[in-house]
Amino acid sequence: WVCEILSPSTAQKDRTLKLPLYARYGVARAWLVDRARILEPFEFRDGQWVLLGVIGDDAPVSFPPFAAVSFSLADLWV
């Protein structure tokens, strides 16, 4: 699992360069967190990254690899 904090200067690189690199090295899950308070969780399946959802603000987070424990997305903004 990796979590990338996106910024205007790195977002394109995180999506187009790093995600394929993570897949090549066997990373199965990636979360992209935008400074606009948005979480995009991905899972690598059958050779491609699959977006599991898009949530923002204070929505409950319950995505792999932490699906067993739900927490408020707002906890990340503290």
PDB file of N, CA and C in Angstrom:
ATOM      1  N   TRP A   1       0.841  -1.171   0.000  1.00  0.00           N
ATOM      2  CA  TRP A   1       0.000   0.000   0.000  1.00  0.00           C
ATOM      3  C   TRP A   1       0.884   1.230   0.000  1.00  0.00           C
ATOM      4  N   VAL A   2       0.523   2.176  -0.845  1.00  0.00           N
ATOM      5  CA  VAL A   2       1.181   3.479  -0.836  1.00  0.00           C
ATOM      6  C   VAL A   2       0.117   4.563  -0.814  1.00  0.00           C
ATOM      7  N   CYS A   3       0.499   5.688  -0.297  1.00  0.00           N
ATOM      8  CA  CYS A   3      -0.382   6.849  -0.286  1.00  0.00           C
ATOM      9  C   CYS A   3       0.415   8.028  -0.812  1.00  0.00           C
ATOM     10  N   GLU A   4      -0.093   8.637  -1.857  1.00  0.00           N
ATOM     11  CA  GLU A   4       0.546   9.808  -2.445  1.00  0.00           C
ATOM     12  C   GLU A   4      -0.300  11.044  -2.146  1.00  0.00           C
ATOM     13  N   ILE A   5       0.355  12.083  -1.682  1.00  0.00           N
ATOM     14  CA  ILE A   5      -0.312  13.366  -1.482  1.00  0.00           C
ATOM     15  C   ILE A   5      -0.067  14.179  -2.751  1.00  0.00           C
ATOM     16  N   LEU A   6      -1.140  14.453  -3.468  1.00  0.00           N
ATOM     17  CA  LEU A   6      -1.023  15.154  -4.749  1.00  0.00           C
ATOM     18  C   LEU A   6      -0.905  16.654  -4.535  1.00  0.00           C
ATOM     19  N   SER A   7      -0.111  17.266  -5.361  1.00  0.00           N
ATOM     20  CA  SER A   7      -0.039  18.717  -5.406  1.00  0.00           C
ATOM     21  C   SER A   7      -0.088  19.108  -6.875  1.00  0.00           C
ATOM     22  N   PRO A   8      -0.365  20.358  -7.170  1.00  0.00           N
ATOM     23  CA  PRO A   8      -0.429  20.753  -8.574  1.00  0.00           C
ATOM     24  C   PRO A   8       0.846  20.422  -9.350  1.00  0.00           C
ATOM     25  N   SER A   9       1.985  20.462  -8.691  1.00  0.00           N
ATOM     26  CA  SER A   9       3.240  20.212  -9.396  1.00  0.00           C
ATOM     27  C   SER A   9       3.590  18.722  -9.520  1.00  0.00           C
ATOM     28  N   THR A  10       2.923  17.849  -8.742  1.00  0.00           N
ATOM     29  CA  THR A  10       3.270  16.424  -8.783  1.00  0.00           C
ATOM     30  C   THR A  10       2.143  15.506  -9.234  1.00  0.00           C
ATOM     31  N   ALA A  11       0.930  15.992  -9.331  1.00  0.00           N
ATOM     32  CA  ALA A  11      -0.232  15.123  -9.597  1.00  0.00           C
ATOM     33  C   ALA A  11      -0.071  14.314 -10.881  1.00  0.00           C
ATOM     34  N   GLN A  12       0.358  14.936 -11.941  1.00  0.00           N
ATOM     35  CA  GLN A  12       0.501  14.208 -13.205  1.00  0.00           C
ATOM     36  C   GLN A  12       1.570  13.122 -13.087  1.00  0.00           C
ATOM     37  N   LYS A  13       2.684  13.424 -12.467  1.00  0.00           N
ATOM     38  CA  LYS A  13       3.757  12.455 -12.286  1.00  0.00           C
ATOM     39  C   LYS A  13       3.283  11.295 -11.394  1.00  0.00           C
ATOM     40  N   ASP A  14       2.546  11.605 -10.332  1.00  0.00           N
ATOM     41  CA  ASP A  14       2.050  10.562  -9.429  1.00  0.00           C
ATOM     42  C   ASP A  14       1.121   9.604 -10.164  1.00  0.00           C
ATOM     43  N   ARG A  15       0.298  10.127 -11.048  1.00  0.00           N
ATOM     44  CA  ARG A  15      -0.666   9.291 -11.766  1.00  0.00           C
ATOM     45  C   ARG A  15      -0.036   8.528 -12.937  1.00  0.00           C
ATOM     46  N   THR A  16       0.791   9.204 -13.715  1.00  0.00           N
ATOM     47  CA  THR A  16       1.270   8.596 -14.961  1.00  0.00           C
ATOM     48  C   THR A  16       2.603   7.857 -14.845  1.00  0.00           C
ATOM     49  N   LEU A  17       3.440   8.257 -13.905  1.00  0.00           N
ATOM     50  CA  LEU A  17       4.736   7.604 -13.746  1.00  0.00           C
ATOM     51  C   LEU A  17       4.795   6.675 -12.539  1.00  0.00           C
ATOM     52  N   LYS A  18       4.310   7.177 -11.407  1.00  0.00           N
ATOM     53  CA  LYS A  18       4.458   6.393 -10.176  1.00  0.00           C
ATOM     54  C   LYS A  18       3.504   5.208 -10.094  1.00  0.00           C
ATOM     55  N   LEU A  19       2.234   5.376 -10.479  1.00  0.00           N
ATOM     56  CA  LEU A  19       1.303   4.238 -10.380  1.00  0.00           C
ATOM     57  C   LEU A  19       1.790   3.038 -11.192  1.00  0.00           C
ATOM     58  N   PRO A  20       2.220   3.214 -12.450  1.00  0.00           N
ATOM     59  CA  PRO A  20       2.759   2.056 -13.181  1.00  0.00           C
ATOM     60  C   PRO A  20       4.008   1.464 -12.516  1.00  0.00           C
ATOM     61  N   LEU A  21       4.830   2.310 -11.955  1.00  0.00           N
ATOM     62  CA  LEU A  21       6.029   1.834 -11.267  1.00  0.00           C
ATOM     63  C   LEU A  21       5.663   1.004 -10.038  1.00  0.00           C
ATOM     64  N   TYR A  22       4.696   1.479  -9.272  1.00  0.00           N
ATOM     65  CA  TYR A  22       4.244   0.726  -8.098  1.00  0.00           C
ATOM     66  C   TYR A  22       3.704  -0.641  -8.515  1.00  0.00           C
ATOM     67  N   ALA A  23       2.934  -0.682  -9.584  1.00  0.00           N
ATOM     68  CA  ALA A  23       2.386  -1.958 -10.072  1.00  0.00           C
ATOM     69  C   ALA A  23       3.513  -2.915 -10.446  1.00  0.00           C
ATOM     70  N   ARG A  24       4.515  -2.392 -11.117  1.00  0.00           N
ATOM     71  CA  ARG A  24       5.646  -3.223 -11.535  1.00  0.00           C
ATOM     72  C   ARG A  24       6.354  -3.859 -10.344  1.00  0.00           C
ATOM     73  N   TYR A  25       6.374  -3.165  -9.222  1.00  0.00           N
ATOM     74  CA  TYR A  25       7.038  -3.680  -8.029  1.00  0.00           C
ATOM     75  C   TYR A  25       6.091  -4.392  -7.063  1.00  0.00           C
ATOM     76  N   GLY A  26       4.866  -4.665  -7.506  1.00  0.00           N
ATOM     77  CA  GLY A  26       3.958  -5.490  -6.728  1.00  0.00           C
ATOM     78  C   GLY A  26       3.090  -4.787  -5.707  1.00  0.00           C
ATOM     79  N   VAL A  27       3.030  -3.475  -5.763  1.00  0.00           N
ATOM     80  CA  VAL A  27       2.141  -2.746  -4.858  1.00  0.00           C
ATOM     81  C   VAL A  27       0.710  -2.993  -5.320  1.00  0.00           C
ATOM     82  N   ALA A  28      -0.134  -3.450  -4.418  1.00  0.00           N
ATOM     83  CA  ALA A  28      -1.506  -3.827  -4.793  1.00  0.00           C
ATOM     84  C   ALA A  28      -2.526  -2.717  -4.568  1.00  0.00           C
ATOM     85  N   ARG A  29      -2.187  -1.743  -3.717  1.00  0.00           N
ATOM     86  CA  ARG A  29      -3.155  -0.698  -3.398  1.00  0.00           C
ATOM     87  C   ARG A  29      -2.459   0.649  -3.334  1.00  0.00           C
ATOM     88  N   ALA A  30      -3.162   1.659  -3.808  1.00  0.00           N
ATOM     89  CA  ALA A  30      -2.632   3.022  -3.767  1.00  0.00           C
ATOM     90  C   ALA A  30      -3.765   3.981  -3.462  1.00  0.00           C
ATOM     91  N   TRP A  31      -3.480   4.900  -2.605  1.00  0.00           N
ATOM     92  CA  TRP A  31      -4.422   5.982  -2.327  1.00  0.00           C
ATOM     93  C   TRP A  31      -3.801   7.268  -2.827  1.00  0.00           C
ATOM     94  N   LEU A  32      -4.590   8.046  -3.565  1.00  0.00           N
ATOM     95  CA  LEU A  32      -4.174   9.373  -3.993  1.00  0.00           C
ATOM     96  C   LEU A  32      -5.016  10.370  -3.211  1.00  0.00           C
ATOM     97  N   VAL A  33      -4.345  11.221  -2.480  1.00  0.00           N
ATOM     98  CA  VAL A  33      -5.027  12.210  -1.651  1.00  0.00           C
ATOM     99  C   VAL A  33      -4.732  13.576  -2.236  1.00  0.00           C
ATOM    100  N   ASP A  34      -5.777  14.280  -2.579  1.00  0.00           N
ATOM    101  CA  ASP A  34      -5.655  15.589  -3.194  1.00  0.00           C
ATOM    102  C   ASP A  34      -5.738  16.663  -2.113  1.00  0.00           C
ATOM    103  N   ARG A  35      -5.027  17.744  -2.329  1.00  0.00           N
ATOM    104  CA  ARG A  35      -5.073  18.850  -1.372  1.00  0.00           C
ATOM    105  C   ARG A  35      -6.453  19.483  -1.304  1.00  0.00           C
ATOM    106  N   ALA A  36      -7.315  19.156  -2.254  1.00  0.00           N
ATOM    107  CA  ALA A  36      -8.700  19.644  -2.232  1.00  0.00           C
ATOM    108  C   ALA A  36      -9.565  18.756  -1.339  1.00  0.00           C
ATOM    109  N   ARG A  37      -8.915  17.904  -0.538  1.00  0.00           N
ATOM    110  CA  ARG A  37      -9.584  17.016   0.426  1.00  0.00           C
ATOM    111  C   ARG A  37     -10.404  15.929  -0.254  1.00  0.00           C
ATOM    112  N   ILE A  38      -9.782  15.291  -1.219  1.00  0.00           N
ATOM    113  CA  ILE A  38     -10.409  14.183  -1.955  1.00  0.00           C
ATOM    114  C   ILE A  38      -9.489  12.975  -1.872  1.00  0.00           C
ATOM    115  N   LEU A  39     -10.092  11.823  -1.630  1.00  0.00           N
ATOM    116  CA  LEU A  39      -9.364  10.557  -1.593  1.00  0.00           C
ATOM    117  C   LEU A  39      -9.828   9.681  -2.739  1.00  0.00           C
ATOM    118  N   GLU A  40      -8.867   9.167  -3.508  1.00  0.00           N
ATOM    119  CA  GLU A  40      -9.136   8.207  -4.577  1.00  0.00           C
ATOM    120  C   GLU A  40      -8.366   6.925  -4.257  1.00  0.00           C
ATOM    121  N   PRO A  41      -9.041   5.895  -3.778  1.00  0.00           N
ATOM    122  CA  PRO A  41      -8.360   4.629  -3.513  1.00  0.00           C
ATOM    123  C   PRO A  41      -8.381   3.740  -4.756  1.00  0.00           C
ATOM    124  N   PHE A  42      -7.234   3.118  -5.059  1.00  0.00           N
ATOM    125  CA  PHE A  42      -7.090   2.234  -6.203  1.00  0.00           C
ATOM    126  C   PHE A  42      -6.618   0.859  -5.745  1.00  0.00           C
ATOM    127  N   GLU A  43      -6.985  -0.143  -6.538  1.00  0.00           N
ATOM    128  CA  GLU A  43      -6.494  -1.499  -6.319  1.00  0.00           C
ATOM    129  C   GLU A  43      -5.999  -2.029  -7.658  1.00  0.00           C
ATOM    130  N   PHE A  44      -4.841  -2.679  -7.656  1.00  0.00           N
ATOM    131  CA  PHE A  44      -4.288  -3.212  -8.894  1.00  0.00           C
ATOM    132  C   PHE A  44      -4.849  -4.613  -9.121  1.00  0.00           C
ATOM    133  N   ARG A  45      -5.642  -4.759 -10.189  1.00  0.00           N
ATOM    134  CA  ARG A  45      -6.287  -6.035 -10.509  1.00  0.00           C
ATOM    135  C   ARG A  45      -6.150  -6.320 -11.996  1.00  0.00           C
ATOM    136  N   ASP A  46      -5.819  -7.556 -12.302  1.00  0.00           N
ATOM    137  CA  ASP A  46      -5.775  -8.000 -13.703  1.00  0.00           C
ATOM    138  C   ASP A  46      -4.999  -7.043 -14.601  1.00  0.00           C
ATOM    139  N   GLY A  47      -3.883  -6.558 -14.094  1.00  0.00           N
ATOM    140  CA  GLY A  47      -3.004  -5.728 -14.902  1.00  0.00           C
ATOM    141  C   GLY A  47      -3.375  -4.278 -15.038  1.00  0.00           C
ATOM    142  N   GLN A  48      -4.325  -3.802 -14.218  1.00  0.00           N
ATOM    143  CA  GLN A  48      -4.687  -2.387 -14.308  1.00  0.00           C
ATOM    144  C   GLN A  48      -5.114  -1.849 -12.948  1.00  0.00           C
ATOM    145  N   TRP A  49      -4.981  -0.551 -12.799  1.00  0.00           N
ATOM    146  CA  TRP A  49      -5.442   0.103 -11.581  1.00  0.00           C
ATOM    147  C   TRP A  49      -6.948   0.335 -11.669  1.00  0.00           C
ATOM    148  N   VAL A  50      -7.673  -0.099 -10.638  1.00  0.00           N
ATOM    149  CA  VAL A  50      -9.124   0.046 -10.590  1.00  0.00           C
ATOM    150  C   VAL A  50      -9.460   1.058  -9.498  1.00  0.00           C
ATOM    151  N   LEU A  51     -10.193   2.098  -9.857  1.00  0.00           N
ATOM    152  CA  LEU A  51     -10.628   3.107  -8.898  1.00  0.00           C
ATOM    153  C   LEU A  51     -11.769   2.535  -8.070  1.00  0.00           C
ATOM    154  N   LEU A  52     -11.606   2.509  -6.745  1.00  0.00           N
ATOM    155  CA  LEU A  52     -12.617   1.921  -5.868  1.00  0.00           C
ATOM    156  C   LEU A  52     -13.677   2.915  -5.435  1.00  0.00           C
ATOM    157  N   GLY A  53     -13.420   4.193  -5.604  1.00  0.00           N
ATOM    158  CA  GLY A  53     -14.378   5.213  -5.212  1.00  0.00           C
ATOM    159  C   GLY A  53     -13.696   6.562  -5.151  1.00  0.00           C
ATOM    160  N   VAL A  54     -14.484   7.583  -4.944  1.00  0.00           N
ATOM    161  CA  VAL A  54     -13.961   8.933  -4.748  1.00  0.00           C
ATOM    162  C   VAL A  54     -14.760   9.538  -3.609  1.00  0.00           C
ATOM    163  N   ILE A  55     -14.059   9.956  -2.565  1.00  0.00           N
ATOM    164  CA  ILE A  55     -14.758  10.561  -1.433  1.00  0.00           C
ATOM    165  C   ILE A  55     -14.058  11.844  -1.045  1.00  0.00           C
ATOM    166  N   GLY A  56     -14.765  12.696  -0.335  1.00  0.00           N
ATOM    167  CA  GLY A  56     -14.188  13.964   0.075  1.00  0.00           C
ATOM    168  C   GLY A  56     -14.692  14.430   1.414  1.00  0.00           C
ATOM    169  N   ASP A  57     -14.109  15.542   1.854  1.00  0.00           N
ATOM    170  CA  ASP A  57     -14.461  16.221   3.102  1.00  0.00           C
ATOM    171  C   ASP A  57     -14.347  15.309   4.306  1.00  0.00           C
ATOM    172  N   ASP A  58     -15.492  14.988   4.938  1.00  0.00           N
ATOM    173  CA  ASP A  58     -15.458  14.185   6.166  1.00  0.00           C
ATOM    174  C   ASP A  58     -16.156  12.838   5.985  1.00  0.00           C
ATOM    175  N   ALA A  59     -16.203  12.346   4.752  1.00  0.00           N
ATOM    176  CA  ALA A  59     -16.856  11.053   4.472  1.00  0.00           C
ATOM    177  C   ALA A  59     -16.144   9.924   5.219  1.00  0.00           C
ATOM    178  N   PRO A  60     -16.881   8.863   5.534  1.00  0.00           N
ATOM    179  CA  PRO A  60     -16.230   7.717   6.178  1.00  0.00           C
ATOM    180  C   PRO A  60     -15.344   6.971   5.184  1.00  0.00           C
ATOM    181  N   VAL A  61     -14.173   6.584   5.654  1.00  0.00           N
ATOM    182  CA  VAL A  61     -13.217   5.836   4.841  1.00  0.00           C
ATOM    183  C   VAL A  61     -13.253   4.391   5.272  1.00  0.00           C
ATOM    184  N   SER A  62     -13.473   3.506   4.316  1.00  0.00           N
ATOM    185  CA  SER A  62     -13.484   2.075   4.590  1.00  0.00           C
ATOM    186  C   SER A  62     -13.041   1.338   3.326  1.00  0.00           C
ATOM    187  N   PHE A  63     -11.804   1.572   2.937  1.00  0.00           N
ATOM    188  CA  PHE A  63     -11.242   0.969   1.737  1.00  0.00           C
ATOM    189  C   PHE A  63     -10.023   0.126   2.104  1.00  0.00           C
ATOM    190  N   PRO A  64      -9.764  -0.904   1.308  1.00  0.00           N
ATOM    191  CA  PRO A  64      -8.563  -1.699   1.538  1.00  0.00           C
ATOM    192  C   PRO A  64      -7.315  -0.803   1.443  1.00  0.00           C
ATOM    193  N   PRO A  65      -6.320  -1.034   2.226  1.00  0.00           N
ATOM    194  CA  PRO A  65      -6.126  -2.172   3.116  1.00  0.00           C
ATOM    195  C   PRO A  65      -6.672  -1.953   4.523  1.00  0.00           C
ATOM    196  N   PHE A  66      -7.463  -0.896   4.717  1.00  0.00           N
ATOM    197  CA  PHE A  66      -7.993  -0.580   6.045  1.00  0.00           C
ATOM    198  C   PHE A  66      -9.503  -0.717   6.094  1.00  0.00           C
ATOM    199  N   ALA A  67     -10.067  -1.616   5.318  1.00  0.00           N
ATOM    200  CA  ALA A  67     -11.517  -1.760   5.222  1.00  0.00           C
ATOM    201  C   ALA A  67     -12.152  -2.219   6.530  1.00  0.00           C
ATOM    202  N   ALA A  68     -11.405  -2.898   7.370  1.00  0.00           N
ATOM    203  CA  ALA A  68     -11.957  -3.420   8.620  1.00  0.00           C
ATOM    204  C   ALA A  68     -12.194  -2.317   9.648  1.00  0.00           C
ATOM    205  N   VAL A  69     -11.558  -1.170   9.453  1.00  0.00           N
ATOM    206  CA  VAL A  69     -11.677  -0.064  10.399  1.00  0.00           C
ATOM    207  C   VAL A  69     -12.079   1.180   9.639  1.00  0.00           C
ATOM    208  N   SER A  70     -13.240   1.712   9.954  1.00  0.00           N
ATOM    209  CA  SER A  70     -13.716   2.926   9.294  1.00  0.00           C
ATOM    210  C   SER A  70     -13.265   4.150  10.096  1.00  0.00           C
ATOM    211  N   PHE A  71     -12.869   5.194   9.384  1.00  0.00           N
ATOM    212  CA  PHE A  71     -12.515   6.453  10.047  1.00  0.00           C
ATOM    213  C   PHE A  71     -12.976   7.601   9.160  1.00  0.00           C
ATOM    214  N   SER A  72     -13.062   8.764   9.733  1.00  0.00           N
ATOM    215  CA  SER A  72     -13.501   9.942   8.998  1.00  0.00           C
ATOM    216  C   SER A  72     -12.346  10.483   8.162  1.00  0.00           C
ATOM    217  N   LEU A  73     -12.638  10.796   6.912  1.00  0.00           N
ATOM    218  CA  LEU A  73     -11.621  11.383   6.045  1.00  0.00           C
ATOM    219  C   LEU A  73     -11.101  12.688   6.647  1.00  0.00           C
ATOM    220  N   ALA A  74     -11.931  13.360   7.417  1.00  0.00           N
ATOM    221  CA  ALA A  74     -11.524  14.623   8.065  1.00  0.00           C
ATOM    222  C   ALA A  74     -10.326  14.402   8.977  1.00  0.00           C
ATOM    223  N   ASP A  75     -10.125  13.187   9.472  1.00  0.00           N
ATOM    224  CA  ASP A  75      -8.969  12.894  10.331  1.00  0.00           C
ATOM    225  C   ASP A  75      -7.654  13.144   9.588  1.00  0.00           C
ATOM    226  N   LEU A  76      -7.662  13.047   8.261  1.00  0.00           N
ATOM    227  CA  LEU A  76      -6.448  13.276   7.488  1.00  0.00           C
ATOM    228  C   LEU A  76      -6.110  14.754   7.352  1.00  0.00           C
ATOM    229  N   TRP A  77      -7.088  15.610   7.580  1.00  0.00           N
ATOM    230  CA  TRP A  77      -6.867  17.044   7.363  1.00  0.00           C
ATOM    231  C   TRP A  77      -6.408  17.757   8.617  1.00  0.00           C
ATOM    232  N   VAL A  78      -6.273  17.035   9.705  1.00  0.00           N
ATOM    233  CA  VAL A  78      -5.880  17.654  10.989  1.00  0.00           C
ATOM    234  C   VAL A  78      -4.417  18.012  10.969  1.00  0.00           C
TER     235      VAL A  78
END
